[in-house]
């Protein structure tokens, strides 16, 4: 640790560590400032691993707090089989955090990670402080069937990610190309790509979450009592922005940020503004 209280490692250099969680070895990376702020846990999107987080975002947050990246069971360097439901993913994630011995954390859930974060919060666990729901949707949300993935494949190439995560404007596409370049800055000890089984199981989990099974639609969101920041891109074609408006409206203590001319990866397109606004939320009393 350096004399100014900051860790010497960052996104590009943090070593991959492993912890046994009920007999399954989970891969994670931890880096950032040694402060009294709660650690910020990043929960990844569908078919994503640790390499797909934006280093400009994770390093910026790490100036003020510990940042924790990890893979779900069965993803990349983590062992095990990918769970087939959001509920099981939430249980596994909670067990991972508890295995690390962390008492309270803030959580940033991106897409699928935001669904897991909602389920985690609905269990009213004292482990969670503040919550960021990024480009995600509620249970039974709008346009969450993902029929276009039937018989297809998840995004893998740079062009796939550009098309799925950024709008078609030249400025958004350029921001997407810059984001993709940043994800390649880490050159050693890189994560493994997710498998076809991960794609299938996670898609099953998302589709089940997207269905309203019983009761009043969105009624469960009133049970999320944590301070919540909801973030979306207004041109998100993966999870339409309407879902974020629903979350912000139905969660009692929620605030909404909607970025223009941006898609599913809005946080990376507006990375500097996103970090500034989110830090204000995380640091609020």
Protein backbone atom coordinates (compact mmCIF):
# COMPACT_ATOMS: atom_id res chain seq x y z
CA UNK A 1 0.00 0.00 0.00
CA UNK A 2 1.26 3.46 -0.85
CA UNK A 3 1.73 6.14 1.78
CA UNK A 4 -1.35 8.09 0.62
CA UNK A 5 -3.61 5.22 1.59
CA UNK A 6 -4.26 3.83 -1.89
CA UNK A 7 -3.62 0.32 -3.03
CA UNK A 8 -0.90 -0.11 -5.64
CA UNK A 9 -3.03 -2.46 -7.75
CA UNK A 10 -5.74 -1.38 -10.14
CA UNK A 11 -8.04 -2.97 -12.71
CA UNK A 12 -5.23 -3.83 -15.12
CA UNK A 13 -2.90 -5.32 -12.49
CA UNK A 14 -5.04 -6.73 -9.67
CA UNK A 15 -4.24 -10.40 -9.29
CA UNK A 16 -6.95 -13.00 -9.64
CA UNK A 17 -7.72 -14.65 -6.32
CA UNK A 18 -9.93 -17.58 -5.40
CA UNK A 19 -12.12 -18.47 -2.46
CA UNK A 20 -13.93 -21.69 -1.65
CA UNK A 21 -17.69 -21.18 -1.35
CA UNK A 22 -19.42 -24.38 -0.23
CA UNK A 23 -16.94 -26.48 -2.16
CA UNK A 24 -16.87 -24.31 -5.30
CA UNK A 25 -13.85 -22.15 -6.14
CA UNK A 26 -14.93 -18.62 -7.11
CA UNK A 27 -12.58 -16.23 -8.93
CA UNK A 28 -12.41 -12.57 -7.91
CA UNK A 29 -10.24 -9.46 -7.99
CA UNK A 30 -10.11 -6.84 -5.26
CA UNK A 31 -8.37 -3.47 -5.48
CA UNK A 32 -8.75 0.15 -4.47
CA UNK A 33 -8.48 2.56 -1.59
CA UNK A 34 -8.09 1.38 1.98
CA UNK A 35 -10.82 3.58 3.46
CA UNK A 36 -13.81 3.29 5.76
CA UNK A 37 -16.16 3.35 2.75
CA UNK A 38 -18.07 0.16 2.08
CA UNK A 39 -16.63 -2.08 -0.66
CA UNK A 40 -18.41 -1.75 -4.02
CA UNK A 41 -19.31 -5.14 -5.50
CA UNK A 42 -19.72 -5.30 -9.29
CA UNK A 43 -22.27 -7.87 -10.52
CA UNK A 44 -21.92 -8.59 -14.22
CA UNK A 45 -24.31 -8.81 -17.16
CA UNK A 46 -25.39 -11.83 -19.20
CA UNK A 47 -22.45 -13.73 -20.69
CA UNK A 48 -19.96 -11.36 -19.08
CA UNK A 49 -16.77 -11.97 -17.16
CA UNK A 50 -14.37 -9.75 -15.20
CA UNK A 51 -12.65 -8.49 -18.36
CA UNK A 52 -15.78 -6.78 -19.69
CA UNK A 53 -15.99 -4.15 -16.95
CA UNK A 54 -14.78 -0.71 -18.03
CA UNK A 55 -11.36 -0.05 -16.39
CA UNK A 56 -11.99 3.70 -16.48
CA UNK A 57 -15.01 3.13 -14.26
CA UNK A 58 -13.59 0.55 -11.86
CA UNK A 59 -10.31 2.47 -11.41
CA UNK A 60 -12.17 5.73 -10.82
CA UNK A 61 -14.32 4.16 -8.09
CA UNK A 62 -11.21 2.54 -6.62
CA UNK A 63 -9.76 5.94 -5.72
CA UNK A 64 -12.27 6.20 -2.87
CA UNK A 65 -13.21 2.64 -1.95
CA UNK A 66 -12.41 -1.03 -2.40
CA UNK A 67 -13.71 -2.45 -5.68
CA UNK A 68 -14.63 -6.12 -5.92
CA UNK A 69 -15.01 -7.90 -9.27
CA UNK A 70 -15.95 -11.58 -9.46
CA UNK A 71 -17.38 -14.28 -11.69
CA UNK A 72 -20.61 -16.11 -10.95
CA UNK A 73 -20.42 -19.88 -10.55
CA UNK A 74 -19.38 -21.58 -13.78
CA UNK A 75 -18.27 -18.34 -15.47
CA UNK A 76 -14.72 -17.92 -16.73
CA UNK A 77 -12.18 -18.81 -14.05
CA UNK A 78 -14.86 -19.68 -11.47
CA UNK A 79 -15.65 -23.35 -10.98
CA UNK A 80 -19.08 -24.95 -10.77
CA UNK A 81 -22.19 -24.93 -12.94
CA UNK A 82 -23.93 -21.71 -13.90
CA UNK A 83 -27.23 -21.39 -11.96
CA UNK A 84 -30.44 -21.38 -13.98
CA UNK A 85 -32.42 -18.85 -11.94
CA UNK A 86 -31.93 -15.34 -10.61
CA UNK A 87 -32.89 -16.64 -7.19
CA UNK A 88 -30.09 -19.22 -7.20
CA UNK A 89 -27.63 -16.63 -8.51
CA UNK A 90 -28.58 -14.33 -5.63
CA UNK A 91 -28.08 -17.12 -3.10
CA UNK A 92 -24.66 -17.95 -4.55
CA UNK A 93 -23.60 -14.31 -4.66
CA UNK A 94 -24.63 -13.73 -1.06
CA UNK A 95 -22.68 -16.83 0.00
CA UNK A 96 -19.60 -15.53 -1.86
CA UNK A 97 -19.71 -12.16 -0.09
CA UNK A 98 -20.21 -13.82 3.30
CA UNK A 99 -17.29 -16.20 2.60
CA UNK A 100 -15.06 -13.14 2.13
CA UNK A 101 -16.05 -12.01 5.62
CA UNK A 102 -17.51 -8.69 4.47
CA UNK A 103 -20.10 -7.25 6.84
CA UNK A 104 -21.72 -4.62 4.58
CA UNK A 105 -21.25 -3.80 0.90
CA UNK A 106 -22.68 -1.50 -1.73
CA UNK A 107 -23.66 -3.31 -4.92
CA UNK A 108 -23.64 -2.34 -8.58
CA UNK A 109 -25.76 -4.71 -10.64
CA UNK A 110 -25.53 -4.47 -14.43
CA UNK A 111 -28.35 -6.06 -16.49
CA UNK A 112 -28.55 -9.66 -15.18
CA UNK A 113 -26.52 -8.41 -12.21
CA UNK A 114 -29.25 -5.85 -11.51
CA UNK A 115 -31.86 -8.60 -11.39
CA UNK A 116 -29.69 -10.51 -8.91
CA UNK A 117 -29.27 -7.31 -6.89
CA UNK A 118 -33.05 -6.83 -6.70
CA UNK A 119 -33.58 -10.40 -5.50
CA UNK A 120 -30.80 -9.97 -2.95
CA UNK A 121 -32.38 -6.75 -1.63
CA UNK A 122 -35.85 -8.29 -1.47
CA UNK A 123 -34.47 -10.78 1.05
CA UNK A 124 -33.76 -7.76 3.28
CA UNK A 125 -30.24 -8.87 4.06
CA UNK A 126 -28.36 -6.46 6.35
CA UNK A 127 -25.30 -7.08 4.18
CA UNK A 128 -26.44 -4.51 1.57
CA UNK A 129 -25.97 -0.76 2.00
CA UNK A 130 -26.65 1.18 -1.22
CA UNK A 131 -27.65 -0.22 -4.61
CA UNK A 132 -26.99 0.82 -8.21
CA UNK A 133 -29.29 -0.84 -10.76
CA UNK A 134 -27.63 -0.39 -14.14
CA UNK A 135 -29.43 -1.09 -17.44
CA UNK A 136 -31.70 -3.70 -15.90
CA UNK A 137 -35.36 -4.54 -15.39
CA UNK A 138 -37.87 -5.65 -12.77
CA UNK A 139 -39.45 -9.06 -12.48
CA UNK A 140 -42.11 -9.25 -15.19
CA UNK A 141 -40.65 -6.25 -16.99
CA UNK A 142 -41.21 -4.94 -20.50
CA UNK A 143 -39.59 -6.62 -23.52
CA UNK A 144 -37.67 -9.24 -21.54
CA UNK A 145 -38.48 -12.33 -23.63
CA UNK A 146 -35.17 -12.19 -25.58
CA UNK A 147 -36.74 -14.17 -28.42
CA UNK A 148 -34.03 -12.90 -30.77
CA UNK A 149 -31.53 -15.20 -29.03
CA UNK A 150 -33.43 -18.38 -29.94
CA UNK A 151 -31.19 -20.44 -32.18
CA UNK A 152 -28.62 -17.67 -32.13
CA UNK A 153 -25.56 -16.97 -30.07
CA UNK A 154 -24.60 -14.44 -27.41
CA UNK A 155 -22.43 -11.45 -28.34
CA UNK A 156 -18.78 -12.39 -28.63
CA UNK A 157 -17.05 -10.26 -31.29
CA UNK A 158 -16.29 -6.57 -30.98
CA UNK A 159 -19.00 -5.85 -33.54
CA UNK A 160 -21.52 -7.89 -31.53
CA UNK A 161 -20.85 -5.82 -28.41
CA UNK A 162 -20.96 -2.54 -30.34
CA UNK A 163 -24.34 -3.42 -31.80
CA UNK A 164 -25.84 -4.60 -28.51
CA UNK A 165 -24.41 -2.04 -26.09
CA UNK A 166 -24.22 1.24 -28.03
CA UNK A 167 -26.65 3.23 -30.15
CA UNK A 168 -26.16 3.59 -33.89
CA UNK A 169 -25.01 7.22 -33.81
CA UNK A 170 -21.37 7.81 -34.71
CA UNK A 171 -20.64 9.36 -31.31
CA UNK A 172 -22.04 6.35 -29.46
CA UNK A 173 -20.25 3.89 -31.74
CA UNK A 174 -16.97 5.75 -31.21
CA UNK A 175 -17.52 5.61 -27.45
CA UNK A 176 -18.12 1.89 -27.86
CA UNK A 177 -14.88 1.36 -29.75
CA UNK A 178 -13.00 3.24 -27.04
CA UNK A 179 -14.65 1.11 -24.35
CA UNK A 180 -13.69 -2.11 -26.16
CA UNK A 181 -10.08 -0.91 -26.41
CA UNK A 182 -10.06 -0.22 -22.68
CA UNK A 183 -11.23 -3.76 -21.89
CA UNK A 184 -8.09 -5.06 -23.61
CA UNK A 185 -5.63 -3.01 -21.54
CA UNK A 186 -5.13 -5.89 -19.13
CA UNK A 187 -2.62 -8.13 -20.88
CA UNK A 188 -1.81 -10.85 -18.33
CA UNK A 189 -3.77 -13.11 -15.99
CA UNK A 190 -6.88 -12.55 -18.07
CA UNK A 191 -10.21 -14.22 -17.42
CA UNK A 192 -11.57 -17.06 -19.54
CA UNK A 193 -14.55 -16.47 -21.85
CA UNK A 194 -17.92 -17.82 -20.65
CA UNK A 195 -19.07 -21.14 -22.06
CA UNK A 196 -22.12 -22.06 -24.12
CA UNK A 197 -23.61 -23.59 -20.97
CA UNK A 198 -23.33 -20.24 -19.20
CA UNK A 199 -25.16 -18.57 -22.09
CA UNK A 200 -27.97 -21.12 -22.00
CA UNK A 201 -28.40 -21.16 -18.22
CA UNK A 202 -28.23 -17.40 -17.78
CA UNK A 203 -30.72 -16.85 -20.60
CA UNK A 204 -33.06 -19.28 -18.84
CA UNK A 205 -32.66 -17.28 -15.63
CA UNK A 206 -33.36 -13.93 -17.33
CA UNK A 207 -36.43 -15.22 -19.16
CA UNK A 208 -37.88 -16.67 -15.98
CA UNK A 209 -37.25 -13.37 -14.18
CA UNK A 210 -38.96 -11.51 -17.02
CA UNK A 211 -42.22 -13.39 -16.54
CA UNK A 212 -44.90 -12.24 -14.09
CA UNK A 213 -45.94 -15.39 -12.24
CA UNK A 214 -48.59 -14.18 -9.80
CA UNK A 215 -49.87 -11.21 -7.84
CA UNK A 216 -49.86 -7.52 -8.67
CA UNK A 217 -47.28 -6.56 -11.26
CA UNK A 218 -44.19 -4.87 -9.77
CA UNK A 219 -45.63 -5.05 -6.24
CA UNK A 220 -42.46 -6.71 -4.95
CA UNK A 221 -40.40 -3.60 -5.72
CA UNK A 222 -41.93 -1.81 -2.75
CA UNK A 223 -40.00 -4.29 -0.59
CA UNK A 224 -36.64 -2.85 -1.67
CA UNK A 225 -35.90 -0.41 1.14
CA UNK A 226 -32.28 0.32 0.29
CA UNK A 227 -31.25 3.68 -1.19
CA UNK A 228 -31.20 2.91 -4.91
CA UNK A 229 -29.77 4.61 -7.99
CA UNK A 230 -31.30 3.48 -11.29
CA UNK A 231 -29.27 4.17 -14.45
CA UNK A 232 -30.25 3.60 -18.09
CA UNK A 233 -29.47 4.57 -21.65
CA UNK A 234 -32.51 5.99 -23.43
CA UNK A 235 -31.79 3.91 -26.55
CA UNK A 236 -31.20 0.59 -24.82
CA UNK A 237 -32.32 -2.18 -27.20
CA UNK A 238 -31.37 -5.01 -24.82
CA UNK A 239 -33.50 -3.96 -21.84
CA UNK A 240 -35.72 -1.04 -22.85
CA UNK A 241 -35.36 2.11 -20.75
CA UNK A 242 -39.01 1.82 -19.71
CA UNK A 243 -37.89 -0.87 -17.26
CA UNK A 244 -35.63 1.58 -15.46
CA UNK A 245 -38.46 4.10 -15.23
CA UNK A 246 -40.59 1.39 -13.62
CA UNK A 247 -37.84 0.57 -11.12
CA UNK A 248 -37.37 4.22 -10.20
CA UNK A 249 -41.11 4.71 -9.80
CA UNK A 250 -41.84 1.60 -7.74
CA UNK A 251 -38.79 1.37 -5.46
CA UNK A 252 -39.52 3.68 -2.50
CA UNK A 253 -36.09 5.32 -2.15
CA UNK A 254 -34.89 5.40 -5.76
CA UNK A 255 -33.40 8.02 -8.06
CA UNK A 256 -33.13 7.80 -11.85
CA UNK A 257 -30.43 8.84 -14.32
CA UNK A 258 -31.18 8.44 -18.04
CA UNK A 259 -28.38 9.15 -20.52
CA UNK A 260 -29.22 10.35 -24.06
CA UNK A 261 -28.11 8.69 -27.30
CA UNK A 262 -26.85 5.62 -25.45
CA UNK A 263 -27.70 1.96 -25.15
CA UNK A 264 -27.10 -0.91 -22.76
CA UNK A 265 -23.53 0.23 -22.16
CA UNK A 266 -24.47 3.80 -21.24
CA UNK A 267 -22.28 3.71 -18.12
CA UNK A 268 -19.19 3.18 -20.33
CA UNK A 269 -20.20 5.79 -22.90
CA UNK A 270 -20.64 8.39 -20.14
CA UNK A 271 -18.04 6.89 -17.81
CA UNK A 272 -16.73 10.14 -16.29
CA UNK A 273 -20.20 11.54 -15.58
CA UNK A 274 -21.46 8.17 -14.38
CA UNK A 275 -18.67 7.88 -11.79
CA UNK A 276 -19.18 11.46 -10.55
CA UNK A 277 -22.93 11.05 -10.17
CA UNK A 278 -22.69 7.61 -8.62
CA UNK A 279 -20.05 8.71 -6.11
CA UNK A 280 -22.40 11.49 -4.98
CA UNK A 281 -25.05 8.84 -4.40
CA UNK A 282 -22.68 6.44 -2.61
CA UNK A 283 -21.30 9.17 -0.34
CA UNK A 284 -24.68 10.61 0.67
CA UNK A 285 -25.67 10.32 4.32
